[in-house]
PDB file of all heavy atoms in Angstrom:
ATOM      1  N   GLN A   1     101.784 108.171 103.570  1.00  0.00           N
ATOM      2  CA  GLN A   1     101.334 108.919 104.730  1.00  0.00           C
ATOM      3  C   GLN A   1     101.426 110.402 104.432  1.00  0.00           C
ATOM      4  O   GLN A   1     102.503 110.925 104.162  1.00  0.00           O
ATOM      5  CB  GLN A   1     102.160 108.575 105.964  1.00  0.00           C
ATOM      6  CG  GLN A   1     101.646 109.201 107.247  1.00  0.00           C
ATOM      7  CD  GLN A   1     102.306 108.619 108.476  1.00  0.00           C
ATOM      8  OE1 GLN A   1     103.356 107.992 108.392  1.00  0.00           O
ATOM      9  NE2 GLN A   1     101.691 108.816 109.622  1.00  0.00           N
ATOM     10  N   ALA A   2     100.283 111.062 104.474  1.00  0.00           N
ATOM     11  CA  ALA A   2     100.215 112.499 104.288  1.00  0.00           C
ATOM     12  C   ALA A   2     100.289 113.186 105.645  1.00  0.00           C
ATOM     13  O   ALA A   2      99.945 112.588 106.670  1.00  0.00           O
ATOM     14  CB  ALA A   2      98.929 112.883 103.568  1.00  0.00           C
ATOM     15  N   PRO A   3     100.711 114.446 105.681  1.00  0.00           N
ATOM     16  CA  PRO A   3     100.786 115.158 106.955  1.00  0.00           C
ATOM     17  C   PRO A   3      99.459 115.152 107.697  1.00  0.00           C
ATOM     18  O   PRO A   3      98.414 115.455 107.122  1.00  0.00           O
ATOM     19  CB  PRO A   3     101.175 116.577 106.538  1.00  0.00           C
ATOM     20  CG  PRO A   3     101.916 116.387 105.253  1.00  0.00           C
ATOM     21  CD  PRO A   3     101.202 115.252 104.563  1.00  0.00           C
ATOM     22  N   GLY A   4      99.498 114.776 108.967  1.00  0.00           N
ATOM     23  CA  GLY A   4      98.298 114.734 109.781  1.00  0.00           C
ATOM     24  C   GLY A   4      97.467 113.484 109.628  1.00  0.00           C
ATOM     25  O   GLY A   4      96.469 113.326 110.347  1.00  0.00           O
ATOM     26  N   ASN A   5      97.844 112.598 108.717  1.00  0.00           N
ATOM     27  CA  ASN A   5      97.086 111.372 108.482  1.00  0.00           C
ATOM     28  C   ASN A   5      97.884 110.146 108.884  1.00  0.00           C
ATOM     29  O   ASN A   5      99.104 110.196 109.060  1.00  0.00           O
ATOM     30  CB  ASN A   5      96.690 111.254 107.012  1.00  0.00           C
ATOM     31  CG  ASN A   5      95.712 112.319 106.573  1.00  0.00           C
ATOM     32  OD1 ASN A   5      94.953 112.843 107.383  1.00  0.00           O
ATOM     33  ND2 ASN A   5      95.728 112.637 105.288  1.00  0.00           N
ATOM     34  N   GLU A   6      97.186 109.028 109.012  1.00  0.00           N
ATOM     35  CA  GLU A   6      97.840 107.764 109.295  1.00  0.00           C
ATOM     36  C   GLU A   6      98.322 107.123 108.000  1.00  0.00           C
ATOM     37  O   GLU A   6      97.843 107.436 106.912  1.00  0.00           O
ATOM     38  CB  GLU A   6      96.892 106.821 110.032  1.00  0.00           C
ATOM     39  CG  GLU A   6      96.481 107.319 111.409  1.00  0.00           C
ATOM     40  CD  GLU A   6      95.663 106.305 112.179  1.00  0.00           C
ATOM     41  OE1 GLU A   6      95.348 105.243 111.607  1.00  0.00           O
ATOM     42  OE2 GLU A   6      95.356 106.566 113.347  1.00  0.00           O
ATOM     43  N   ARG A   7      99.265 106.221 108.131  1.00  0.00           N
ATOM     44  CA  ARG A   7      99.785 105.516 106.979  1.00  0.00           C
ATOM     45  C   ARG A   7      98.692 104.636 106.373  1.00  0.00           C
ATOM     46  O   ARG A   7      97.964 103.943 107.090  1.00  0.00           O
ATOM     47  CB  ARG A   7     100.991 104.670 107.378  1.00  0.00           C
ATOM     48  CG  ARG A   7     101.747 104.064 106.217  1.00  0.00           C
ATOM     49  CD  ARG A   7     103.046 103.409 106.694  1.00  0.00           C
ATOM     50  NE  ARG A   7     103.940 104.377 107.320  1.00  0.00           N
ATOM     51  CZ  ARG A   7     105.159 104.094 107.757  1.00  0.00           C
ATOM     52  NH1 ARG A   7     105.640 102.859 107.642  1.00  0.00           N
ATOM     53  NH2 ARG A   7     105.897 105.043 108.326  1.00  0.00           N
ATOM     54  N   GLU A   8      98.583 104.664 105.049  1.00  0.00           N
ATOM     55  CA  GLU A   8      97.553 103.900 104.369  1.00  0.00           C
ATOM     56  C   GLU A   8      98.142 103.075 103.232  1.00  0.00           C
ATOM     57  O   GLU A   8      99.138 103.445 102.614  1.00  0.00           O
ATOM     58  CB  GLU A   8      96.460 104.829 103.825  1.00  0.00           C
ATOM     59  CG  GLU A   8      96.935 105.778 102.740  1.00  0.00           C
ATOM     60  CD  GLU A   8      95.815 106.629 102.170  1.00  0.00           C
ATOM     61  OE1 GLU A   8      94.670 106.508 102.634  1.00  0.00           O
ATOM     62  OE2 GLU A   8      96.093 107.432 101.249  1.00  0.00           O
ATOM     63  N   LEU A   9      97.486 101.973 102.962  1.00  0.00           N
ATOM     64  CA  LEU A   9      97.892 101.092 101.873  1.00  0.00           C
ATOM     65  C   LEU A   9      97.670 101.763 100.528  1.00  0.00           C
ATOM     66  O   LEU A   9      96.636 102.391 100.299  1.00  0.00           O
ATOM     67  CB  LEU A   9      97.104  99.789 101.937  1.00  0.00           C
ATOM     68  CG  LEU A   9      97.266  98.833 100.750  1.00  0.00           C
ATOM     69  CD1 LEU A   9      98.664  98.239 100.734  1.00  0.00           C
ATOM     70  CD2 LEU A   9      96.212  97.729 100.808  1.00  0.00           C
ATOM     71  N   VAL A  10      98.634 101.615  99.628  1.00  0.00           N
ATOM     72  CA  VAL A  10      98.487 102.048  98.243  1.00  0.00           C
ATOM     73  C   VAL A  10      98.354 100.831  97.335  1.00  0.00           C
ATOM     74  O   VAL A  10      97.380 100.699  96.594  1.00  0.00           O
ATOM     75  CB  VAL A  10      99.670 102.923  97.792  1.00  0.00           C
ATOM     76  CG1 VAL A  10      99.498 103.320  96.325  1.00  0.00           C
ATOM     77  CG2 VAL A  10      99.793 104.155  98.675  1.00  0.00           C
ATOM     78  N   ALA A  11      99.335  99.942  97.378  1.00  0.00           N
ATOM     79  CA  ALA A  11      99.311  98.759  96.527  1.00  0.00           C
ATOM     80  C   ALA A  11     100.246  97.702  97.074  1.00  0.00           C
ATOM     81  O   ALA A  11     101.259  98.017  97.697  1.00  0.00           O
ATOM     82  CB  ALA A  11      99.710  99.107  95.087  1.00  0.00           C
ATOM     83  N   LEU A  12      99.899  96.447  96.827  1.00  0.00           N
ATOM     84  CA  LEU A  12     100.732  95.309  97.185  1.00  0.00           C
ATOM     85  C   LEU A  12     100.855  94.394  95.976  1.00  0.00           C
ATOM     86  O   LEU A  12      99.982  94.381  95.114  1.00  0.00           O
ATOM     87  CB  LEU A  12     100.133  94.516  98.351  1.00  0.00           C
ATOM     88  CG  LEU A  12      99.988  95.220  99.696  1.00  0.00           C
ATOM     89  CD1 LEU A  12      99.196  94.339 100.660  1.00  0.00           C
ATOM     90  CD2 LEU A  12     101.351  95.550 100.280  1.00  0.00           C
ATOM     91  N   ILE A  13     101.932  93.619  95.941  1.00  0.00           N
ATOM     92  CA  ILE A  13     102.096  92.632  94.893  1.00  0.00           C
ATOM     93  C   ILE A  13     102.730  91.389  95.502  1.00  0.00           C
ATOM     94  O   ILE A  13     103.713  91.471  96.234  1.00  0.00           O
ATOM     95  CB  ILE A  13     102.919  93.183  93.708  1.00  0.00           C
ATOM     96  CG1 ILE A  13     102.950  92.170  92.559  1.00  0.00           C
ATOM     97  CG2 ILE A  13     104.319  93.591  94.147  1.00  0.00           C
ATOM     98  CD1 ILE A  13     103.442  92.774  91.254  1.00  0.00           C
ATOM     99  N   THR A  14     102.150  90.233  95.216  1.00  0.00           N
ATOM    100  CA  THR A  14     102.616  88.986  95.791  1.00  0.00           C
ATOM    101  C   THR A  14     103.788  88.434  94.999  1.00  0.00           C
ATOM    102  O   THR A  14     104.144  88.933  93.932  1.00  0.00           O
ATOM    103  CB  THR A  14     101.493  87.942  95.811  1.00  0.00           C
ATOM    104  OG1 THR A  14     101.185  87.548  94.472  1.00  0.00           O
ATOM    105  CG2 THR A  14     100.238  88.494  96.473  1.00  0.00           C
ATOM    106  N   SER A  15     104.377  87.362  95.519  1.00  0.00           N
ATOM    107  CA  SER A  15     105.474  86.705  94.819  1.00  0.00           C
ATOM    108  C   SER A  15     105.021  86.112  93.495  1.00  0.00           C
ATOM    109  O   SER A  15     105.840  85.888  92.611  1.00  0.00           O
ATOM    110  CB  SER A  15     106.089  85.613  95.698  1.00  0.00           C
ATOM    111  OG  SER A  15     105.124  84.630  96.037  1.00  0.00           O
ATOM    112  N   GLY A  16     103.726  85.866  93.364  1.00  0.00           N
ATOM    113  CA  GLY A  16     103.159  85.385  92.117  1.00  0.00           C
ATOM    114  C   GLY A  16     102.704  86.498  91.196  1.00  0.00           C
ATOM    115  O   GLY A  16     102.012  86.237  90.211  1.00  0.00           O
ATOM    116  N   ASP A  17     103.065  87.727  91.520  1.00  0.00           N
ATOM    117  CA  ASP A  17     102.776  88.916  90.709  1.00  0.00           C
ATOM    118  C   ASP A  17     101.298  89.269  90.687  1.00  0.00           C
ATOM    119  O   ASP A  17     100.812  89.872  89.724  1.00  0.00           O
ATOM    120  CB  ASP A  17     103.287  88.747  89.284  1.00  0.00           C
ATOM    121  CG  ASP A  17     104.797  88.791  89.185  1.00  0.00           C
ATOM    122  OD1 ASP A  17     105.444  89.234  90.152  1.00  0.00           O
ATOM    123  OD2 ASP A  17     105.332  88.378  88.132  1.00  0.00           O
ATOM    124  N   THR A  18     100.573  88.908  91.731  1.00  0.00           N
ATOM    125  CA  THR A  18      99.176  89.307  91.847  1.00  0.00           C
ATOM    126  C   THR A  18      99.095  90.650  92.559  1.00  0.00           C
ATOM    127  O   THR A  18      99.513  90.760  93.712  1.00  0.00           O
ATOM    128  CB  THR A  18      98.364  88.270  92.614  1.00  0.00           C
ATOM    129  OG1 THR A  18      98.409  87.016  91.924  1.00  0.00           O
ATOM    130  CG2 THR A  18      96.912  88.711  92.746  1.00  0.00           C
ATOM    131  N   PRO A  19      98.564  91.681  91.893  1.00  0.00           N
ATOM    132  CA  PRO A  19      98.497  92.997  92.520  1.00  0.00           C
ATOM    133  C   PRO A  19      97.216  93.221  93.311  1.00  0.00           C
ATOM    134  O   PRO A  19      96.167  92.659  92.988  1.00  0.00           O
ATOM    135  CB  PRO A  19      98.556  93.945  91.317  1.00  0.00           C
ATOM    136  CG  PRO A  19      97.837  93.188  90.243  1.00  0.00           C
ATOM    137  CD  PRO A  19      98.158  91.730  90.476  1.00  0.00           C
ATOM    138  N   ILE A  20      97.330  94.041  94.327  1.00  0.00           N
ATOM    139  CA  ILE A  20      96.191  94.489  95.116  1.00  0.00           C
ATOM    140  C   ILE A  20      96.307  96.000  95.241  1.00  0.00           C
ATOM    141  O   ILE A  20      97.353  96.513  95.627  1.00  0.00           O
ATOM    142  CB  ILE A  20      96.167  93.840  96.506  1.00  0.00           C
ATOM    143  CG1 ILE A  20      96.083  92.320  96.389  1.00  0.00           C
ATOM    144  CG2 ILE A  20      94.991  94.358  97.328  1.00  0.00           C
ATOM    145  CD1 ILE A  20      96.266  91.601  97.707  1.00  0.00           C
ATOM    146  N   TYR A  21      95.225  96.714  94.929  1.00  0.00           N
ATOM    147  CA  TYR A  21      95.253  98.171  94.949  1.00  0.00           C
ATOM    148  C   TYR A  21      94.216  98.733  95.894  1.00  0.00           C
ATOM    149  O   TYR A  21      93.104  98.203  96.013  1.00  0.00           O
ATOM    150  CB  TYR A  21      94.975  98.744  93.563  1.00  0.00           C
ATOM    151  CG  TYR A  21      96.027  98.436  92.529  1.00  0.00           C
ATOM    152  CD1 TYR A  21      95.841  97.419  91.600  1.00  0.00           C
ATOM    153  CD2 TYR A  21      97.208  99.173  92.477  1.00  0.00           C
ATOM    154  CE1 TYR A  21      96.806  97.146  90.644  1.00  0.00           C
ATOM    155  CE2 TYR A  21      98.172  98.901  91.527  1.00  0.00           C
ATOM    156  CZ  TYR A  21      97.968  97.885  90.608  1.00  0.00           C
ATOM    157  OH  TYR A  21      98.929  97.621  89.660  1.00  0.00           O
ATOM    158  N   ALA A  22      94.576  99.823  96.552  1.00  0.00           N
ATOM    159  CA  ALA A  22      93.591 100.613  97.258  1.00  0.00           C
ATOM    160  C   ALA A  22      92.678 101.284  96.240  1.00  0.00           C
ATOM    161  O   ALA A  22      93.067 101.501  95.089  1.00  0.00           O
ATOM    162  CB  ALA A  22      94.270 101.671  98.127  1.00  0.00           C
ATOM    163  N   ASP A  23      91.464 101.616  96.662  1.00  0.00           N
ATOM    164  CA  ASP A  23      90.522 102.249  95.747  1.00  0.00           C
ATOM    165  C   ASP A  23      91.081 103.542  95.160  1.00  0.00           C
ATOM    166  O   ASP A  23      90.833 103.859  93.995  1.00  0.00           O
ATOM    167  CB  ASP A  23      89.199 102.537  96.458  1.00  0.00           C
ATOM    168  CG  ASP A  23      88.395 101.277  96.718  1.00  0.00           C
ATOM    169  OD1 ASP A  23      88.657 100.250  96.064  1.00  0.00           O
ATOM    170  OD2 ASP A  23      87.494 101.323  97.576  1.00  0.00           O
ATOM    171  N   SER A  24      91.835 104.274  95.943  1.00  0.00           N
ATOM    172  CA  SER A  24      92.392 105.536  95.483  1.00  0.00           C
ATOM    173  C   SER A  24      93.438 105.356  94.392  1.00  0.00           C
ATOM    174  O   SER A  24      93.730 106.299  93.656  1.00  0.00           O
ATOM    175  CB  SER A  24      93.007 106.302  96.656  1.00  0.00           C
ATOM    176  OG  SER A  24      94.053 105.560  97.252  1.00  0.00           O
ATOM    177  N   ALA A  25      93.993 104.152  94.289  1.00  0.00           N
ATOM    178  CA  ALA A  25      95.063 103.880  93.334  1.00  0.00           C
ATOM    179  C   ALA A  25      94.575 103.219  92.053  1.00  0.00           C
ATOM    180  O   ALA A  25      95.259 103.287  91.021  1.00  0.00           O
ATOM    181  CB  ALA A  25      96.131 102.999  93.979  1.00  0.00           C
ATOM    182  N   LYS A  26      93.433 102.588  92.103  1.00  0.00           N
ATOM    183  CA  LYS A  26      92.939 101.832  90.959  1.00  0.00           C
ATOM    184  C   LYS A  26      92.760 102.718  89.732  1.00  0.00           C
ATOM    185  O   LYS A  26      92.185 103.795  89.808  1.00  0.00           O
ATOM    186  CB  LYS A  26      91.613 101.153  91.303  1.00  0.00           C
ATOM    187  CG  LYS A  26      91.738 100.026  92.306  1.00  0.00           C
ATOM    188  CD  LYS A  26      90.379  99.399  92.602  1.00  0.00           C
ATOM    189  CE  LYS A  26      90.505  98.257  93.595  1.00  0.00           C
ATOM    190  NZ  LYS A  26      89.182  97.675  93.936  1.00  0.00           N
ATOM    191  N   GLY A  27      93.279 102.243  88.609  1.00  0.00           N
ATOM    192  CA  GLY A  27      93.145 102.964  87.357  1.00  0.00           C
ATOM    193  C   GLY A  27      94.184 104.025  87.129  1.00  0.00           C
ATOM    194  O   GLY A  27      94.288 104.553  86.015  1.00  0.00           O
ATOM    195  N   ARG A  28      94.961 104.368  88.138  1.00  0.00           N
ATOM    196  CA  ARG A  28      95.970 105.412  88.011  1.00  0.00           C
ATOM    197  C   ARG A  28      97.379 104.934  88.329  1.00  0.00           C
ATOM    198  O   ARG A  28      98.343 105.420  87.740  1.00  0.00           O
ATOM    199  CB  ARG A  28      95.631 106.598  88.915  1.00  0.00           C
ATOM    200  CG  ARG A  28      94.296 107.252  88.607  1.00  0.00           C
ATOM    201  CD  ARG A  28      94.116 108.540  89.396  1.00  0.00           C
ATOM    202  NE  ARG A  28      94.172 108.307  90.838  1.00  0.00           N
ATOM    203  CZ  ARG A  28      95.027 108.919  91.661  1.00  0.00           C
ATOM    204  NH1 ARG A  28      95.892 109.800  91.186  1.00  0.00           N
ATOM    205  NH2 ARG A  28      95.002 108.658  92.958  1.00  0.00           N
ATOM    206  N   PHE A  29      97.495 103.998  89.262  1.00  0.00           N
ATOM    207  CA  PHE A  29      98.804 103.511  89.681  1.00  0.00           C
ATOM    208  C   PHE A  29      98.983 102.062  89.235  1.00  0.00           C
ATOM    209  O   PHE A  29      98.017 101.298  89.163  1.00  0.00           O
ATOM    210  CB  PHE A  29      98.963 103.573  91.196  1.00  0.00           C
ATOM    211  CG  PHE A  29      98.827 104.946  91.794  1.00  0.00           C
ATOM    212  CD1 PHE A  29      98.726 105.103  93.164  1.00  0.00           C
ATOM    213  CD2 PHE A  29      98.804 106.087  90.995  1.00  0.00           C
ATOM    214  CE1 PHE A  29      98.611 106.355  93.734  1.00  0.00           C
ATOM    215  CE2 PHE A  29      98.682 107.348  91.552  1.00  0.00           C
ATOM    216  CZ  PHE A  29      98.585 107.481  92.936  1.00  0.00           C
ATOM    217  N   THR A  30     100.224 101.690  88.968  1.00  0.00           N
ATOM    218  CA  THR A  30     100.543 100.324  88.580  1.00  0.00           C
ATOM    219  C   THR A  30     101.738  99.838  89.375  1.00  0.00           C
ATOM    220  O   THR A  30     102.790 100.477  89.366  1.00  0.00           O
ATOM    221  CB  THR A  30     100.848 100.222  87.080  1.00  0.00           C
ATOM    222  OG1 THR A  30      99.726 100.678  86.319  1.00  0.00           O
ATOM    223  CG2 THR A  30     101.140  98.765  86.704  1.00  0.00           C
ATOM    224  N   ILE A  31     101.575  98.713  90.053  1.00  0.00           N
ATOM    225  CA  ILE A  31     102.670  98.122  90.806  1.00  0.00           C
ATOM    226  C   ILE A  31     103.250  96.951  90.021  1.00  0.00           C
ATOM    227  O   ILE A  31     102.523  96.213  89.353  1.00  0.00           O
ATOM    228  CB  ILE A  31     102.203  97.673  92.211  1.00  0.00           C
ATOM    229  CG1 ILE A  31     103.404  97.281  93.071  1.00  0.00           C
ATOM    230  CG2 ILE A  31     101.182  96.545  92.130  1.00  0.00           C
ATOM    231  CD1 ILE A  31     103.052  97.071  94.543  1.00  0.00           C
ATOM    232  N   SER A  32     104.557  96.795  90.093  1.00  0.00           N
ATOM    233  CA  SER A  32     105.236  95.696  89.425  1.00  0.00           C
ATOM    234  C   SER A  32     106.485  95.339  90.222  1.00  0.00           C
ATOM    235  O   SER A  32     106.889  96.075  91.122  1.00  0.00           O
ATOM    236  CB  SER A  32     105.593  96.054  87.978  1.00  0.00           C
ATOM    237  OG  SER A  32     106.462  97.169  87.933  1.00  0.00           O
ATOM    238  N   ARG A  33     107.094  94.206  89.877  1.00  0.00           N
ATOM    239  CA  ARG A  33     108.291  93.797  90.600  1.00  0.00           C
ATOM    240  C   ARG A  33     109.238  93.050  89.690  1.00  0.00           C
ATOM    241  O   ARG A  33     108.841  92.470  88.678  1.00  0.00           O
ATOM    242  CB  ARG A  33     107.928  92.932  91.814  1.00  0.00           C
ATOM    243  CG  ARG A  33     107.322  91.573  91.465  1.00  0.00           C
ATOM    244  CD  ARG A  33     106.783  90.871  92.706  1.00  0.00           C
ATOM    245  NE  ARG A  33     107.830  90.572  93.670  1.00  0.00           N
ATOM    246  CZ  ARG A  33     107.613  90.151  94.915  1.00  0.00           C
ATOM    247  NH1 ARG A  33     106.362  89.994  95.351  1.00  0.00           N
ATOM    248  NH2 ARG A  33     108.629  89.894  95.723  1.00  0.00           N
TER     249      ARG A  33
END
């Protein structure tokens, strides 16, 4: 959440290690657990 903006999804990862990324995060961010 940036100042003045609403909270937005960045990335999620399931219990099976399947990642889901927002378009803004793809190619730059990596989620792991």
